[in-house]
Amino acid sequence: MALMLAQATEAAPPSTEATSSGTEQPHEHYPFPPFDGTWFASQLLWLAITFVALYLLLARVAIPRIGGILRNRAERIAGDIQRAEKAKADSEAALQVYEAALASARSNAGAIADTARNEAKATAANERGVIEADLAKKLAEAEQRIAGIKSRALSEVNAIASETATAIVKALIDADVGKADADNAVAAAVRK
């Protein structure tokens, strides 16, 4: 490359400077150096040297590094995929265990609810039986008291009717009726 620069400076035309009047001196016309046929041989040599150096640099340094990076990435991706598949299998197994435990808990809950319901029914039936027996006893006692009160009331009704009849007769006709006569009249009226 240094050789090319040296050759380019030797072959370059002398520079022309502008005069004070603003006119330029005429100069020779040279082609652009890369298109000049005299430079093709050196350009092809440097092209070959640069190509070989670049090829060796890529083949020995860059491509192995890139290949290593790609291998590491592929191994890491494969490892991540294996870990993900293992995690998925573990989660599916855990889900199956969870679903089995949930189904077991539901069946146990149903059995516990049935047992509790049956115990509550039995307790309620026992309590209802005790309450019904107590109510029947109280009802029988109440019926006995009512029968006693009724019989006393009926026995007193005759006495009250007798006294009322005596008072009515006294008020109507101002006559005294004997207790025995009033009792006999009430008894005769009740039999009819």
C-alpha atoms as a PDB file:
ATOM      1  CA  MET A   1       0.000   0.000   0.000  1.00  0.00           C
ATOM      2  CA  ALA A   2       2.884   2.292   0.815  1.00  0.00           C
ATOM      3  CA  LEU A   3       4.316   1.341  -2.565  1.00  0.00           C
ATOM      4  CA  MET A   4       1.105   2.449  -4.257  1.00  0.00           C
ATOM      5  CA  LEU A   5       1.166   5.803  -2.491  1.00  0.00           C
ATOM      6  CA  ALA A   6       4.783   6.363  -3.443  1.00  0.00           C
ATOM      7  CA  GLN A   7       4.078   5.516  -7.065  1.00  0.00           C
ATOM      8  CA  ALA A   8       0.983   7.734  -7.034  1.00  0.00           C
ATOM      9  CA  THR A   9       2.937  10.704  -5.781  1.00  0.00           C
ATOM     10  CA  GLU A  10       5.671  10.192  -8.381  1.00  0.00           C
ATOM     11  CA  ALA A  11       3.182   9.996 -11.196  1.00  0.00           C
ATOM     12  CA  ALA A  12       1.058  12.898 -10.040  1.00  0.00           C
ATOM     13  CA  PRO A  13       1.226  15.968 -12.263  1.00  0.00           C
ATOM     14  CA  PRO A  14       2.787  19.114 -10.935  1.00  0.00           C
ATOM     15  CA  SER A  15       0.271  21.323  -9.187  1.00  0.00           C
ATOM     16  CA  THR A  16      -0.831  24.454 -10.845  1.00  0.00           C
ATOM     17  CA  GLU A  17      -1.470  27.594  -8.941  1.00  0.00           C
ATOM     18  CA  ALA A  18      -3.834  30.337  -9.831  1.00  0.00           C
ATOM     19  CA  THR A  19      -2.313  33.565 -11.051  1.00  0.00           C
ATOM     20  CA  SER A  20      -3.248  36.852  -9.622  1.00  0.00           C
ATOM     21  CA  SER A  21      -5.400  37.538 -12.629  1.00  0.00           C
ATOM     22  CA  GLY A  22      -7.565  34.499 -11.835  1.00  0.00           C
ATOM     23  CA  THR A  23      -6.536  32.364 -14.774  1.00  0.00           C
ATOM     24  CA  GLU A  24      -5.194  28.869 -14.434  1.00  0.00           C
ATOM     25  CA  GLN A  25      -2.297  27.339 -16.204  1.00  0.00           C
ATOM     26  CA  PRO A  26      -3.114  24.382 -18.371  1.00  0.00           C
ATOM     27  CA  HIS A  27      -2.137  20.927 -16.995  1.00  0.00           C
ATOM     28  CA  GLU A  28      -1.962  17.416 -18.256  1.00  0.00           C
ATOM     29  CA  HIS A  29      -4.916  15.110 -17.837  1.00  0.00           C
ATOM     30  CA  TYR A  30      -4.186  11.810 -15.963  1.00  0.00           C
ATOM     31  CA  PRO A  31      -6.733   8.993 -15.428  1.00  0.00           C
ATOM     32  CA  PHE A  32      -7.999   8.064 -11.948  1.00  0.00           C
ATOM     33  CA  PRO A  33      -5.310   5.721 -10.465  1.00  0.00           C
ATOM     34  CA  PRO A  34      -7.542   2.702  -9.781  1.00  0.00           C
ATOM     35  CA  PHE A  35      -8.656   2.794 -13.417  1.00  0.00           C
ATOM     36  CA  ASP A  36      -5.168   3.320 -14.750  1.00  0.00           C
ATOM     37  CA  GLY A  37      -3.847   0.146 -16.410  1.00  0.00           C
ATOM     38  CA  THR A  38      -0.362   0.646 -15.011  1.00  0.00           C
ATOM     39  CA  TRP A  39      -1.595  -0.039 -11.489  1.00  0.00           C
ATOM     40  CA  PHE A  40      -3.583  -3.235 -12.132  1.00  0.00           C
ATOM     41  CA  ALA A  41      -0.772  -5.645 -11.265  1.00  0.00           C
ATOM     42  CA  SER A  42      -0.018  -4.093  -7.878  1.00  0.00           C
ATOM     43  CA  GLN A  43      -3.731  -3.782  -7.111  1.00  0.00           C
ATOM     44  CA  LEU A  44      -4.293  -7.468  -7.888  1.00  0.00           C
ATOM     45  CA  LEU A  45      -1.325  -8.421  -5.680  1.00  0.00           C
ATOM     46  CA  TRP A  46      -2.645  -6.425  -2.743  1.00  0.00           C
ATOM     47  CA  LEU A  47      -6.134  -7.784  -3.347  1.00  0.00           C
ATOM     48  CA  ALA A  48      -4.806 -11.356  -3.146  1.00  0.00           C
ATOM     49  CA  ILE A  49      -2.754 -10.605   0.000  1.00  0.00           C
ATOM     50  CA  THR A  50      -5.715  -8.869   1.689  1.00  0.00           C
ATOM     51  CA  PHE A  51      -8.118 -11.630   0.672  1.00  0.00           C
ATOM     52  CA  VAL A  52      -5.813 -14.371   2.039  1.00  0.00           C
ATOM     53  CA  ALA A  53      -5.211 -12.428   5.294  1.00  0.00           C
ATOM     54  CA  LEU A  54      -8.915 -11.779   5.736  1.00  0.00           C
ATOM     55  CA  TYR A  55      -9.743 -15.397   4.908  1.00  0.00           C
ATOM     56  CA  LEU A  56      -7.198 -16.694   7.452  1.00  0.00           C
ATOM     57  CA  LEU A  57      -8.446 -14.243  10.082  1.00  0.00           C
ATOM     58  CA  LEU A  58     -12.047 -15.330   9.525  1.00  0.00           C
ATOM     59  CA  ALA A  59     -11.244 -19.053   9.254  1.00  0.00           C
ATOM     60  CA  ARG A  60      -8.999 -19.213  12.313  1.00  0.00           C
ATOM     61  CA  VAL A  61     -10.482 -16.596  14.664  1.00  0.00           C
ATOM     62  CA  ALA A  62     -13.941 -15.276  13.829  1.00  0.00           C
ATOM     63  CA  ILE A  63     -15.709 -18.378  12.510  1.00  0.00           C
ATOM     64  CA  PRO A  64     -14.581 -20.641  15.420  1.00  0.00           C
ATOM     65  CA  ARG A  65     -15.720 -18.014  17.924  1.00  0.00           C
ATOM     66  CA  ILE A  66     -19.079 -17.626  16.188  1.00  0.00           C
ATOM     67  CA  GLY A  67     -19.405 -21.432  15.977  1.00  0.00           C
ATOM     68  CA  GLY A  68     -18.618 -21.716  19.706  1.00  0.00           C
ATOM     69  CA  ILE A  69     -21.197 -19.067  20.518  1.00  0.00           C
ATOM     70  CA  LEU A  70     -23.809 -20.838  18.387  1.00  0.00           C
ATOM     71  CA  ARG A  71     -22.973 -24.217  19.993  1.00  0.00           C
ATOM     72  CA  ASN A  72     -23.219 -22.720  23.491  1.00  0.00           C
ATOM     73  CA  ARG A  73     -26.504 -21.085  22.623  1.00  0.00           C
ATOM     74  CA  ALA A  74     -27.873 -24.329  21.122  1.00  0.00           C
ATOM     75  CA  GLU A  75     -26.771 -26.283  24.219  1.00  0.00           C
ATOM     76  CA  ARG A  76     -28.302 -23.688  26.524  1.00  0.00           C
ATOM     77  CA  ILE A  77     -31.560 -23.718  24.538  1.00  0.00           C
ATOM     78  CA  ALA A  78     -31.618 -27.530  24.600  1.00  0.00           C
ATOM     79  CA  GLY A  79     -30.968 -27.482  28.363  1.00  0.00           C
ATOM     80  CA  ASP A  80     -33.705 -24.887  28.870  1.00  0.00           C
ATOM     81  CA  ILE A  81     -36.113 -26.993  26.819  1.00  0.00           C
ATOM     82  CA  GLN A  82     -35.267 -30.095  28.867  1.00  0.00           C
ATOM     83  CA  ARG A  83     -35.733 -28.180  32.132  1.00  0.00           C
ATOM     84  CA  ALA A  84     -39.021 -26.770  30.833  1.00  0.00           C
ATOM     85  CA  GLU A  85     -40.245 -30.242  29.830  1.00  0.00           C
ATOM     86  CA  LYS A  86     -39.205 -31.613  33.245  1.00  0.00           C
ATOM     87  CA  ALA A  87     -40.967 -28.710  34.987  1.00  0.00           C
ATOM     88  CA  LYS A  88     -44.044 -29.327  32.835  1.00  0.00           C
ATOM     89  CA  ALA A  89     -44.022 -33.045  33.708  1.00  0.00           C
ATOM     90  CA  ASP A  90     -43.568 -32.178  37.404  1.00  0.00           C
ATOM     91  CA  SER A  91     -46.427 -29.677  37.278  1.00  0.00           C
ATOM     92  CA  GLU A  92     -48.686 -32.192  35.504  1.00  0.00           C
ATOM     93  CA  ALA A  93     -47.841 -34.799  38.166  1.00  0.00           C
ATOM     94  CA  ALA A  94     -48.514 -32.239  40.896  1.00  0.00           C
ATOM     95  CA  LEU A  95     -51.813 -31.356  39.205  1.00  0.00           C
ATOM     96  CA  GLN A  96     -52.842 -35.012  39.137  1.00  0.00           C
ATOM     97  CA  VAL A  97     -51.931 -35.383  42.829  1.00  0.00           C
ATOM     98  CA  TYR A  98     -53.867 -32.196  43.599  1.00  0.00           C
ATOM     99  CA  GLU A  99     -56.914 -33.360  41.643  1.00  0.00           C
ATOM    100  CA  ALA A 100     -56.808 -36.756  43.387  1.00  0.00           C
ATOM    101  CA  ALA A 101     -56.538 -35.045  46.785  1.00  0.00           C
ATOM    102  CA  LEU A 102     -59.373 -32.696  45.841  1.00  0.00           C
ATOM    103  CA  ALA A 103     -61.596 -35.599  44.744  1.00  0.00           C
ATOM    104  CA  SER A 104     -60.756 -37.448  47.961  1.00  0.00           C
ATOM    105  CA  ALA A 105     -61.528 -34.337  50.009  1.00  0.00           C
ATOM    106  CA  ARG A 106     -64.841 -33.905  48.205  1.00  0.00           C
ATOM    107  CA  SER A 107     -65.855 -37.511  48.844  1.00  0.00           C
ATOM    108  CA  ASN A 108     -64.730 -37.199  52.473  1.00  0.00           C
ATOM    109  CA  ALA A 109     -66.662 -33.963  52.787  1.00  0.00           C
ATOM    110  CA  GLY A 110     -69.771 -35.683  51.408  1.00  0.00           C
ATOM    111  CA  ALA A 111     -69.336 -38.560  53.862  1.00  0.00           C
ATOM    112  CA  ILE A 112     -68.760 -36.145  56.748  1.00  0.00           C
ATOM    113  CA  ALA A 113     -71.828 -34.124  55.720  1.00  0.00           C
ATOM    114  CA  ASP A 114     -73.943 -37.303  55.508  1.00  0.00           C
ATOM    115  CA  THR A 115     -72.699 -38.445  58.927  1.00  0.00           C
ATOM    116  CA  ALA A 116     -73.358 -35.033  60.459  1.00  0.00           C
ATOM    117  CA  ARG A 117     -76.807 -34.894  58.841  1.00  0.00           C
ATOM    118  CA  ASN A 118     -77.703 -38.370  60.123  1.00  0.00           C
ATOM    119  CA  GLU A 119     -76.439 -37.516  63.624  1.00  0.00           C
ATOM    120  CA  ALA A 120     -78.428 -34.262  63.578  1.00  0.00           C
ATOM    121  CA  LYS A 121     -81.556 -36.141  62.463  1.00  0.00           C
ATOM    122  CA  ALA A 122     -81.089 -38.744  65.200  1.00  0.00           C
ATOM    123  CA  THR A 123     -80.504 -36.059  67.840  1.00  0.00           C
ATOM    124  CA  ALA A 124     -83.527 -34.101  66.614  1.00  0.00           C
ATOM    125  CA  ALA A 125     -85.668 -37.261  66.624  1.00  0.00           C
ATOM    126  CA  ASN A 126     -84.567 -38.074  70.191  1.00  0.00           C
ATOM    127  CA  GLU A 127     -85.228 -34.520  71.361  1.00  0.00           C
ATOM    128  CA  ARG A 128     -88.581 -34.489  69.556  1.00  0.00           C
ATOM    129  CA  GLY A 129     -89.507 -37.792  71.246  1.00  0.00           C
ATOM    130  CA  VAL A 130     -88.574 -36.401  74.670  1.00  0.00           C
ATOM    131  CA  ILE A 131     -90.484 -33.178  73.993  1.00  0.00           C
ATOM    132  CA  GLU A 132     -93.529 -35.080  72.656  1.00  0.00           C
ATOM    133  CA  ALA A 133     -93.512 -37.375  75.718  1.00  0.00           C
ATOM    134  CA  ASP A 134     -93.268 -34.361  78.011  1.00  0.00           C
ATOM    135  CA  LEU A 135     -96.068 -32.621  76.095  1.00  0.00           C
ATOM    136  CA  ALA A 136     -98.218 -35.764  76.219  1.00  0.00           C
ATOM    137  CA  LYS A 137     -97.663 -35.965  79.980  1.00  0.00           C
ATOM    138  CA  LYS A 138     -98.530 -32.280  80.416  1.00  0.00           C
ATOM    139  CA  LEU A 139    -101.543 -32.703  78.141  1.00  0.00           C
ATOM    140  CA  ALA A 140    -102.780 -35.665  80.188  1.00  0.00           C
ATOM    141  CA  GLU A 141    -102.311 -33.675  83.397  1.00  0.00           C
ATOM    142  CA  ALA A 142    -104.110 -30.695  81.852  1.00  0.00           C
ATOM    143  CA  GLU A 143    -106.960 -32.918  80.663  1.00  0.00           C
ATOM    144  CA  GLN A 144    -107.260 -34.349  84.184  1.00  0.00           C
ATOM    145  CA  ARG A 145    -107.349 -30.858  85.673  1.00  0.00           C
ATOM    146  CA  ILE A 146    -109.892 -29.767  83.048  1.00  0.00           C
ATOM    147  CA  ALA A 147    -112.026 -32.828  83.796  1.00  0.00           C
ATOM    148  CA  GLY A 148    -111.793 -32.054  87.526  1.00  0.00           C
ATOM    149  CA  ILE A 149    -112.668 -28.408  86.939  1.00  0.00           C
ATOM    150  CA  LYS A 150    -115.483 -29.447  84.619  1.00  0.00           C
ATOM    151  CA  SER A 151    -116.913 -31.899  87.096  1.00  0.00           C
ATOM    152  CA  ARG A 152    -116.653 -29.326  89.883  1.00  0.00           C
ATOM    153  CA  ALA A 153    -118.175 -26.711  87.597  1.00  0.00           C
ATOM    154  CA  LEU A 154    -120.991 -29.056  86.653  1.00  0.00           C
ATOM    155  CA  SER A 155    -121.576 -29.918  90.278  1.00  0.00           C
ATOM    156  CA  GLU A 156    -121.548 -26.247  91.144  1.00  0.00           C
ATOM    157  CA  VAL A 157    -123.729 -25.416  88.144  1.00  0.00           C
ATOM    158  CA  ASN A 158    -126.587 -27.258  89.775  1.00  0.00           C
ATOM    159  CA  ALA A 159    -125.984 -25.358  93.002  1.00  0.00           C
ATOM    160  CA  ILE A 160    -125.670 -22.050  91.126  1.00  0.00           C
ATOM    161  CA  ALA A 161    -128.764 -22.839  89.039  1.00  0.00           C
ATOM    162  CA  SER A 162    -130.602 -23.694  92.231  1.00  0.00           C
ATOM    163  CA  GLU A 163    -129.561 -20.427  93.903  1.00  0.00           C
ATOM    164  CA  THR A 164    -130.375 -18.480  90.715  1.00  0.00           C
ATOM    165  CA  ALA A 165    -133.827 -20.119  90.508  1.00  0.00           C
ATOM    166  CA  THR A 166    -134.455 -19.249  94.173  1.00  0.00           C
ATOM    167  CA  ALA A 167    -133.450 -15.634  93.558  1.00  0.00           C
ATOM    168  CA  ILE A 168    -135.606 -15.387  90.396  1.00  0.00           C
ATOM    169  CA  VAL A 169    -138.662 -16.798  92.185  1.00  0.00           C
ATOM    170  CA  LYS A 170    -138.096 -14.421  95.095  1.00  0.00           C
ATOM    171  CA  ALA A 171    -137.764 -11.476  92.698  1.00  0.00           C
ATOM    172  CA  LEU A 172    -140.769 -12.433  90.577  1.00  0.00           C
ATOM    173  CA  ILE A 173    -143.316 -13.532  93.078  1.00  0.00           C
ATOM    174  CA  ASP A 174    -141.667 -12.526  96.320  1.00  0.00           C
ATOM    175  CA  ALA A 175    -141.968 -16.023  97.766  1.00  0.00           C
ATOM    176  CA  ASP A 176    -139.306 -18.071  99.532  1.00  0.00           C
ATOM    177  CA  VAL A 177    -138.535 -21.398  97.947  1.00  0.00           C
ATOM    178  CA  GLY A 178    -136.703 -24.030  99.961  1.00  0.00           C
ATOM    179  CA  LYS A 179    -133.287 -25.220  98.970  1.00  0.00           C
ATOM    180  CA  ALA A 180    -134.442 -28.811  98.478  1.00  0.00           C
ATOM    181  CA  ASP A 181    -137.327 -27.727  96.231  1.00  0.00           C
ATOM    182  CA  ALA A 182    -134.982 -25.593  94.071  1.00  0.00           C
ATOM    183  CA  ASP A 183    -132.450 -28.479  93.819  1.00  0.00           C
ATOM    184  CA  ASN A 184    -135.204 -30.905  92.732  1.00  0.00           C
ATOM    185  CA  ALA A 185    -136.516 -28.469  90.076  1.00  0.00           C
ATOM    186  CA  VAL A 186    -132.990 -27.942  88.618  1.00  0.00           C
ATOM    187  CA  ALA A 187    -132.326 -31.719  88.604  1.00  0.00           C
ATOM    188  CA  ALA A 188    -135.598 -32.307  86.752  1.00  0.00           C
ATOM    189  CA  ALA A 189    -134.712 -29.628  84.183  1.00  0.00           C
ATOM    190  CA  VAL A 190    -131.221 -31.119  83.595  1.00  0.00           C
ATOM    191  CA  ARG A 191    -132.648 -34.645  82.993  1.00  0.00           C
ATOM    192  CA  LYS A 192    -134.921 -33.447  80.229  1.00  0.00           C
END
